[in-house]
Amino acid sequence: MKDSTNGGCACTPNQSIKCTVSNCAHHCKDQNYCGLNTITVGTHEANPTQKECTDCQSFQMK
């Protein structure tokens, strides 16, 4: 499993998962990629109709 922490450890960017959420623990510092192998995307709406209705459920606060 890739180490996606930024607290002194290297993040291996997954170039298939772009991300600009820099306060996520999985965000690769200085790069706009996620360090996870896969992510889970979900919604907080009963019937999502816009991208703002979706959420990255793999998000973890730094």
Protein backbone atom coordinates (compact mmCIF):
# COMPACT_ATOMS: atom_id res chain seq x y z
CA MET A 1 0.00 0.00 0.00
CA LYS A 2 1.25 3.47 -0.84
CA ASP A 3 2.15 5.83 1.98
CA SER A 4 0.04 8.93 1.46
CA THR A 5 0.93 10.83 4.61
CA ASN A 6 2.76 14.12 4.29
CA GLY A 7 4.11 14.32 7.81
CA GLY A 8 7.71 13.61 6.88
CA CYS A 9 6.86 10.64 4.65
CA ALA A 10 6.86 10.68 0.88
CA CYS A 11 3.56 10.67 -0.95
CA THR A 12 3.41 8.64 -4.13
CA PRO A 13 0.99 10.50 -6.43
CA ASN A 14 -1.60 8.38 -8.20
CA GLN A 15 -1.75 10.16 -11.55
CA SER A 16 -5.19 8.66 -12.16
CA ILE A 17 -6.67 10.61 -9.22
CA LYS A 18 -6.30 14.39 -9.48
CA CYS A 19 -7.03 16.32 -6.29
CA THR A 20 -6.72 19.93 -5.15
CA VAL A 21 -7.85 19.44 -1.53
CA SER A 22 -4.57 20.27 0.19
CA ASN A 23 -5.92 19.78 3.73
CA CYS A 24 -6.61 16.08 3.05
CA ALA A 25 -4.15 13.62 4.58
CA HIS A 26 -3.93 11.78 1.23
CA HIS A 27 -3.08 14.86 -0.86
CA CYS A 28 0.45 14.77 -2.30
CA LYS A 29 2.11 17.95 -1.13
CA ASP A 30 3.12 20.33 -3.95
CA GLN A 31 1.26 18.16 -6.48
CA ASN A 32 -2.43 18.00 -7.31
CA TYR A 33 -2.78 14.24 -6.97
CA CYS A 34 -4.07 11.80 -4.37
CA GLY A 35 -1.71 9.27 -2.82
CA LEU A 36 -4.32 6.52 -2.48
CA ASN A 37 -4.62 3.58 -4.88
CA THR A 38 -8.40 4.03 -5.00
CA ILE A 39 -10.97 6.44 -3.58
CA THR A 40 -14.66 6.19 -2.76
CA VAL A 41 -17.00 8.83 -4.18
CA GLY A 42 -20.45 9.26 -2.70
CA THR A 43 -23.20 11.83 -2.35
CA HIS A 44 -25.03 13.72 0.37
CA GLU A 45 -28.13 14.18 -1.80
CA ALA A 46 -31.01 11.80 -2.48
CA ASN A 47 -30.90 12.60 -6.20
CA PRO A 48 -27.59 14.29 -7.14
CA THR A 49 -27.80 16.50 -10.22
CA GLN A 50 -24.61 18.59 -9.95
CA LYS A 51 -20.97 17.83 -9.16
CA GLU A 52 -21.32 19.87 -5.96
CA CYS A 53 -23.66 17.13 -4.71
CA THR A 54 -20.84 14.55 -4.69
CA ASP A 55 -18.19 13.92 -2.03
CA CYS A 56 -14.88 12.14 -1.77
CA GLN A 57 -15.63 9.73 1.04
CA SER A 58 -11.94 8.83 1.31
CA PHE A 59 -11.17 12.32 2.64
CA GLN A 60 -9.28 12.45 5.93
CA MET A 61 -8.31 15.71 7.61
CA LYS A 62 -4.55 16.22 8.02
